Amino acid sequence: MKKEKLPAGFTLRHTLKANNRAITRMAWSPDGRTLAAASYDQTVRLWDTESGKQKRELFGYSGSVFTVAITPDGRSLLSASKNSLKIWDLTTESRPRTLRGHTDYIYAVAAMPDGRHAISGAYDKTLKVWDLDADTVQATLAGHNGRIAALTVTPDGRYAISGAGDGCIKLWDWAAGELAHTLAERQAEILSLVVSPDGRWLASADYDGVVGVWDIASYEPIIELTAHQKPVSAVSFAADGRYLASKSADGSVRLWNTANWETAVILAEPHSTYAFAGLAFHPNQTTLATLGDQDKVIRIWDIDWAR
């Protein structure tokens, strides 16, 4: 990417590349020093975000890795391929634990704030709540009528929120194993979900190119952002909640100002043909990781909001 084409305030810190297959989703460690990336090349790679060097490669899969998450204590990484989850100890080089329970491909996983539980969503239309101490299924949540491709949890850990191919967004009291509310019934598959850092808003990314924003407490829609021309594959809130980022198959990343929900920045990023392609804001800095070059590289951007 040419320097003159960069939006004002964007500085490219690193371009990370290690394979020739598309990357699917990314996850920052809680301290922001490590970025994990899942890929169609059947690996998960861990990057040092300060030096831009690869720290570790996790391999041993027999299929594409669709998603990745890191527990709040930074000690464990969760990844999914086919119908199983792997739990990697990031403090040692030990072999991963494998969790089985789904009957089809797992597309989404999220770690709970308590660090003892995780939740996964799959093509089998179910969610599984996992007890990570016992490596067992605590509950199976059913109610979607399509593959579950998106998951997030509220910062207080009370709710898990799922989005699926049926266009529905559902709010779950995961500890009780119950559906709390169907937040939305949209016309297209939900590909990504994210909750704002203060727990106030939920943003959804749809296959029809719409970014939806919802008030979680009232269950009411706030706005639909319709500037993208093709499916939106990922959404992420900045750590201070001032901006929402969205990545689309139209070849752009947009930053939306949450004060007025208008487009603040457009960054050109060529998109692959795959439905799942992430982006992720740093957990506590104004830094954004995006996928570029047909989702085969990761670009880490430092952003100066004042410019």
Protein backbone atom coordinates (compact mmCIF):
# COMPACT_ATOMS: atom_id res chain seq x y z
CA MET A 1 0.00 0.00 0.00
CA LYS A 2 1.39 3.38 -1.03
CA LYS A 3 2.00 5.87 1.72
CA GLU A 4 0.11 8.66 -0.01
CA LYS A 5 -3.07 6.59 -0.05
CA LEU A 6 -3.21 6.19 3.72
CA PRO A 7 -5.92 8.06 5.62
CA ALA A 8 -4.75 10.89 7.85
CA GLY A 9 -3.61 9.63 11.23
CA PHE A 10 -2.79 6.08 10.06
CA THR A 11 0.77 4.80 10.49
CA LEU A 12 1.65 1.28 9.40
CA ARG A 13 3.54 -0.43 12.22
CA HIS A 14 3.96 -3.92 10.73
CA THR A 15 2.93 -6.12 7.83
CA LEU A 16 2.81 -9.74 8.95
CA LYS A 17 2.96 -12.51 6.35
CA ALA A 18 3.78 -16.20 6.69
CA ASN A 19 1.60 -18.15 4.29
CA ASN A 20 -0.20 -18.13 0.97
CA ARG A 21 -3.63 -19.03 2.27
CA ALA A 22 -6.22 -16.62 3.59
CA ILE A 23 -6.33 -15.75 7.27
CA THR A 24 -9.74 -16.07 8.89
CA ARG A 25 -9.88 -14.43 12.30
CA MET A 26 -7.53 -12.76 14.77
CA ALA A 27 -7.36 -12.29 18.54
CA TRP A 28 -5.21 -10.00 20.67
CA SER A 29 -3.81 -11.15 23.99
CA PRO A 30 -5.15 -9.11 26.94
CA ASP A 31 -1.88 -7.16 27.21
CA GLY A 32 -1.80 -6.49 23.46
CA ARG A 33 1.70 -7.91 23.03
CA THR A 34 0.60 -10.95 21.05
CA LEU A 35 -1.71 -11.30 18.07
CA ALA A 36 -3.04 -14.74 17.16
CA ALA A 37 -4.24 -15.50 13.63
CA ALA A 38 -6.19 -18.53 12.39
CA SER A 39 -5.80 -19.56 8.76
CA TYR A 40 -7.06 -21.78 5.97
CA ASP A 41 -3.50 -23.19 5.86
CA GLN A 42 -4.42 -25.32 8.92
CA THR A 43 -2.33 -23.35 11.42
CA VAL A 44 -2.55 -20.68 14.10
CA ARG A 45 0.33 -18.23 14.26
CA LEU A 46 1.31 -16.03 17.18
CA TRP A 47 2.97 -12.69 16.46
CA ASP A 48 4.93 -10.30 18.66
CA THR A 49 3.12 -7.04 17.93
CA GLU A 50 6.05 -4.86 18.97
CA SER A 51 8.78 -6.51 16.89
CA GLY A 52 6.52 -7.86 14.13
CA LYS A 53 8.20 -11.27 14.42
CA GLN A 54 6.46 -14.63 14.57
CA LYS A 55 6.67 -16.08 18.08
CA ARG A 56 5.12 -19.50 17.60
CA GLU A 57 3.23 -21.64 15.11
CA LEU A 58 0.51 -23.99 16.30
CA PHE A 59 -0.06 -26.86 13.92
CA GLY A 60 -1.46 -30.37 13.87
CA TYR A 61 -4.83 -29.69 12.28
CA SER A 62 -6.28 -31.69 9.41
CA GLY A 63 -8.47 -28.85 8.18
CA SER A 64 -8.83 -25.08 8.01
CA VAL A 65 -8.85 -23.17 11.29
CA PHE A 66 -11.89 -20.91 11.32
CA THR A 67 -11.57 -18.98 14.55
CA VAL A 68 -9.35 -18.21 17.52
CA ALA A 69 -9.72 -16.65 20.99
CA ILE A 70 -7.45 -15.99 23.97
CA THR A 71 -8.62 -16.31 27.57
CA PRO A 72 -8.69 -13.15 29.73
CA ASP A 73 -5.66 -14.27 31.75
CA GLY A 74 -3.64 -14.66 28.54
CA ARG A 75 -2.60 -18.20 29.44
CA SER A 76 -4.71 -20.22 27.00
CA LEU A 77 -5.68 -20.01 23.35
CA LEU A 78 -8.81 -21.60 21.89
CA SER A 79 -9.00 -22.56 18.23
CA ALA A 80 -11.47 -24.48 16.12
CA SER A 81 -11.11 -26.75 13.11
CA LYS A 82 -13.75 -29.14 11.79
CA ASN A 83 -15.88 -30.27 14.75
CA SER A 84 -13.39 -29.90 17.60
CA LEU A 85 -11.81 -27.23 19.77
CA LYS A 86 -8.18 -27.20 20.79
CA ILE A 87 -6.98 -25.54 24.00
CA TRP A 88 -3.34 -24.45 23.86
CA ASP A 89 -1.28 -23.53 26.92
CA LEU A 90 0.56 -20.36 25.89
CA THR A 91 2.96 -20.60 28.83
CA THR A 92 4.42 -23.96 27.76
CA GLU A 93 5.12 -25.97 24.61
CA SER A 94 2.82 -28.79 25.76
CA ARG A 95 0.39 -30.52 23.42
CA PRO A 96 -3.12 -29.04 23.26
CA ARG A 97 -6.21 -30.51 24.84
CA THR A 98 -8.97 -31.40 22.36
CA LEU A 99 -12.64 -30.84 23.15
CA ARG A 100 -15.30 -32.67 21.17
CA GLY A 101 -19.06 -32.29 21.24
CA HIS A 102 -20.24 -30.59 18.05
CA THR A 103 -21.30 -32.73 15.10
CA ASP A 104 -20.22 -30.29 12.38
CA TYR A 105 -17.77 -27.48 11.62
CA ILE A 106 -17.15 -24.95 14.41
CA TYR A 107 -17.09 -21.38 13.09
CA ALA A 108 -17.07 -19.28 16.25
CA VAL A 109 -15.63 -19.39 19.75
CA ALA A 110 -15.47 -16.94 22.66
CA ALA A 111 -13.80 -17.07 26.05
CA MET A 112 -15.83 -15.98 29.07
CA PRO A 113 -14.50 -13.23 31.34
CA ASP A 114 -14.23 -15.70 34.24
CA GLY A 115 -11.52 -17.60 32.31
CA ARG A 116 -13.13 -20.91 33.29
CA HIS A 117 -15.70 -21.18 30.53
CA ALA A 118 -15.90 -20.82 26.78
CA ILE A 119 -18.70 -21.00 24.22
CA SER A 120 -18.62 -22.26 20.65
CA GLY A 121 -21.01 -22.13 17.71
CA ALA A 122 -21.16 -24.51 14.77
CA TYR A 123 -22.72 -25.57 11.49
CA ASP A 124 -24.83 -28.01 13.53
CA LYS A 125 -26.89 -24.97 14.63
CA THR A 126 -25.98 -25.35 18.31
CA LEU A 127 -23.91 -23.55 20.89
CA LYS A 128 -21.81 -25.45 23.40
CA VAL A 129 -20.84 -24.03 26.78
CA TRP A 130 -17.54 -25.56 27.89
CA ASP A 131 -16.16 -26.03 31.39
CA LEU A 132 -12.46 -25.46 30.75
CA ASP A 133 -11.42 -26.89 34.12
CA ALA A 134 -13.07 -30.23 33.37
CA ASP A 135 -12.88 -30.09 29.53
CA THR A 136 -16.56 -31.01 29.34
CA VAL A 137 -19.76 -29.61 27.84
CA GLN A 138 -21.70 -27.75 30.53
CA ALA A 139 -24.71 -26.96 28.33
CA THR A 140 -25.96 -27.19 24.77
CA LEU A 141 -27.99 -24.22 23.56
CA ALA A 142 -30.33 -24.69 20.60
CA GLY A 143 -32.65 -22.27 18.85
CA HIS A 144 -30.98 -21.13 15.64
CA ASN A 145 -32.08 -22.45 12.26
CA GLY A 146 -28.78 -21.94 10.45
CA ARG A 147 -25.04 -22.26 10.98
CA ILE A 148 -23.71 -20.17 13.84
CA ALA A 149 -20.89 -18.02 12.50
CA ALA A 150 -20.64 -15.23 15.08
CA LEU A 151 -20.26 -15.12 18.86
CA THR A 152 -19.44 -12.52 21.47
CA VAL A 153 -19.94 -12.08 25.21
CA THR A 154 -20.86 -9.06 27.31
CA PRO A 155 -18.02 -7.58 29.41
CA ASP A 156 -19.76 -8.54 32.66
CA GLY A 157 -19.95 -12.15 31.48
CA ARG A 158 -23.70 -12.35 31.95
CA TYR A 159 -24.68 -12.98 28.34
CA ALA A 160 -23.36 -14.76 25.29
CA ILE A 161 -24.65 -13.40 21.99
CA SER A 162 -24.86 -15.47 18.81
CA GLY A 163 -25.54 -14.75 15.15
CA ALA A 164 -26.37 -17.31 12.51
CA GLY A 165 -27.30 -18.12 8.95
CA ASP A 166 -30.97 -17.70 9.83
CA GLY A 167 -30.36 -13.96 10.27
CA CYS A 168 -31.17 -14.11 13.99
CA ILE A 169 -29.18 -12.57 16.81
CA LYS A 170 -29.83 -14.27 20.13
CA LEU A 171 -28.95 -13.25 23.67
CA TRP A 172 -28.28 -16.22 26.00
CA ASP A 173 -28.11 -16.54 29.76
CA TRP A 174 -25.39 -19.12 29.29
CA ALA A 175 -24.96 -19.99 32.98
CA ALA A 176 -28.64 -20.92 33.21
CA GLY A 177 -28.56 -22.56 29.78
CA GLU A 178 -31.50 -20.45 28.58
CA LEU A 179 -32.39 -18.06 25.77
CA ALA A 180 -32.89 -14.58 27.22
CA HIS A 181 -34.03 -12.75 24.10
CA THR A 182 -34.01 -12.85 20.31
CA LEU A 183 -32.49 -9.47 19.63
CA ALA A 184 -33.04 -9.37 15.88
CA GLU A 185 -34.33 -11.31 12.91
CA ARG A 186 -32.52 -9.97 9.87
CA GLN A 187 -32.68 -10.88 6.19
CA ALA A 188 -29.09 -12.12 5.79
CA GLU A 189 -26.53 -14.27 7.59
CA ILE A 190 -24.78 -12.70 10.58
CA LEU A 191 -21.00 -12.99 10.07
CA SER A 192 -19.61 -11.08 13.05
CA LEU A 193 -20.71 -9.61 16.39
CA VAL A 194 -18.97 -7.34 18.89
CA VAL A 195 -20.00 -5.64 22.14
CA SER A 196 -18.71 -2.17 22.98
CA PRO A 197 -16.22 -2.01 25.88
CA ASP A 198 -18.81 -0.44 28.20
CA GLY A 199 -21.33 -3.19 27.40
CA ARG A 200 -23.85 -0.71 26.02
CA TRP A 201 -23.94 -1.52 22.31
CA LEU A 202 -23.86 -4.57 20.10
CA ALA A 203 -22.68 -4.28 16.50
CA SER A 204 -23.48 -6.91 13.88
CA ALA A 205 -21.98 -7.57 10.44
CA ASP A 206 -24.34 -8.98 7.81
CA TYR A 207 -23.86 -10.80 4.53
CA ASP A 208 -26.10 -8.19 2.89
CA GLY A 209 -23.55 -5.46 3.62
CA VAL A 210 -25.32 -3.88 6.59
CA VAL A 211 -23.73 -3.05 9.93
CA GLY A 212 -26.40 -3.06 12.62
CA VAL A 213 -26.06 -1.36 16.01
CA TRP A 214 -28.24 -2.35 18.97
CA ASP A 215 -28.86 -1.15 22.51
CA ILE A 216 -28.33 -4.29 24.59
CA ALA A 217 -30.25 -3.17 27.68
CA SER A 218 -33.41 -2.19 25.81
CA TYR A 219 -33.03 -4.72 22.95
CA GLU A 220 -33.77 -1.84 20.58
CA PRO A 221 -32.00 -1.11 17.27
CA ILE A 222 -30.06 2.16 17.18
CA ILE A 223 -29.04 2.44 13.54
CA GLU A 224 -28.23 0.54 10.36
CA LEU A 225 -25.01 1.56 8.62
CA THR A 226 -25.39 0.88 4.91
CA ALA A 227 -22.35 2.42 3.20
CA HIS A 228 -20.70 -0.92 2.39
CA GLN A 229 -21.53 -2.36 -1.03
CA LYS A 230 -20.84 -6.05 -0.31
CA PRO A 231 -20.94 -8.46 2.66
CA VAL A 232 -19.41 -7.23 5.89
CA SER A 233 -17.23 -9.94 7.41
CA ALA A 234 -16.06 -8.35 10.67
CA VAL A 235 -16.73 -5.57 13.18
CA SER A 236 -14.63 -4.34 16.14
CA PHE A 237 -14.95 -1.51 18.67
CA ALA A 238 -11.98 0.63 19.69
CA ALA A 239 -10.93 0.26 23.31
CA ASP A 240 -12.29 3.72 24.20
CA GLY A 241 -15.56 3.04 22.37
CA ARG A 242 -15.18 6.11 20.13
CA TYR A 243 -14.99 4.18 16.88
CA LEU A 244 -16.42 1.05 15.32
CA ALA A 245 -14.44 -0.63 12.54
CA SER A 246 -16.01 -2.79 9.82
CA LYS A 247 -14.36 -4.87 7.08
CA SER A 248 -16.18 -5.64 3.85
CA ALA A 249 -15.83 -7.67 0.67
CA ASP A 250 -16.16 -4.33 -1.15
CA GLY A 251 -12.42 -3.92 -0.43
CA SER A 252 -12.71 -1.38 2.36
CA VAL A 253 -12.37 -0.99 6.09
CA ARG A 254 -14.55 1.78 7.50
CA LEU A 255 -14.21 3.49 10.83
CA TRP A 256 -17.50 4.85 12.15
CA ASN A 257 -17.62 7.64 14.73
CA THR A 258 -19.92 6.36 17.48
CA ALA A 259 -20.88 9.91 18.47
CA ASN A 260 -22.89 10.33 15.26
CA TRP A 261 -22.45 6.97 13.44
CA GLU A 262 -20.95 8.68 10.39
CA THR A 263 -17.98 7.34 8.43
CA ALA A 264 -14.79 8.90 9.77
CA VAL A 265 -12.18 6.98 7.75
CA ILE A 266 -12.08 4.63 4.77
CA LEU A 267 -9.07 2.35 4.40
CA ALA A 268 -8.62 0.33 1.21
CA GLU A 269 -8.03 -3.37 1.97
CA PRO A 270 -8.57 -6.00 -0.77
CA HIS A 271 -10.78 -8.80 0.53
CA SER A 272 -10.70 -12.52 -0.23
CA THR A 273 -13.67 -14.51 -1.48
CA TYR A 274 -14.13 -16.21 1.91
CA ALA A 275 -16.96 -15.21 4.23
CA PHE A 276 -14.90 -15.15 7.41
CA ALA A 277 -12.21 -12.48 7.49
CA GLY A 278 -11.53 -10.58 10.65
CA LEU A 279 -10.18 -7.32 11.96
CA ALA A 280 -9.50 -6.43 15.58
CA PHE A 281 -8.77 -3.34 17.64
CA HIS A 282 -6.02 -3.54 20.26
CA PRO A 283 -7.49 -4.14 23.76
CA ASN A 284 -6.22 -0.85 25.22
CA GLN A 285 -4.48 1.23 22.52
CA THR A 286 -5.57 3.07 19.39
CA THR A 287 -4.15 0.30 17.22
CA LEU A 288 -6.02 -1.75 14.64
CA ALA A 289 -5.13 -5.06 12.99
CA THR A 290 -6.66 -5.56 9.56
CA LEU A 291 -6.38 -8.24 6.91
CA GLY A 292 -5.06 -7.12 3.53
CA ASP A 293 -3.71 -8.51 0.25
CA GLN A 294 -6.75 -10.77 -0.23
CA ASP A 295 -6.57 -11.56 3.52
CA LYS A 296 -3.11 -13.14 3.19
CA VAL A 297 -1.32 -10.57 5.35
CA ILE A 298 -2.04 -8.74 8.58
CA ARG A 299 -1.42 -5.01 8.77
CA ILE A 300 -1.05 -3.40 12.19
CA TRP A 301 -1.95 0.29 12.20
CA ASP A 302 -1.26 2.89 14.86
CA ILE A 303 -3.96 5.55 14.70
CA ASP A 304 -3.81 9.14 15.86
CA TRP A 305 -7.43 10.22 16.42
CA ALA A 306 -6.42 13.86 16.61
CA ARG A 307 -5.32 14.05 12.98
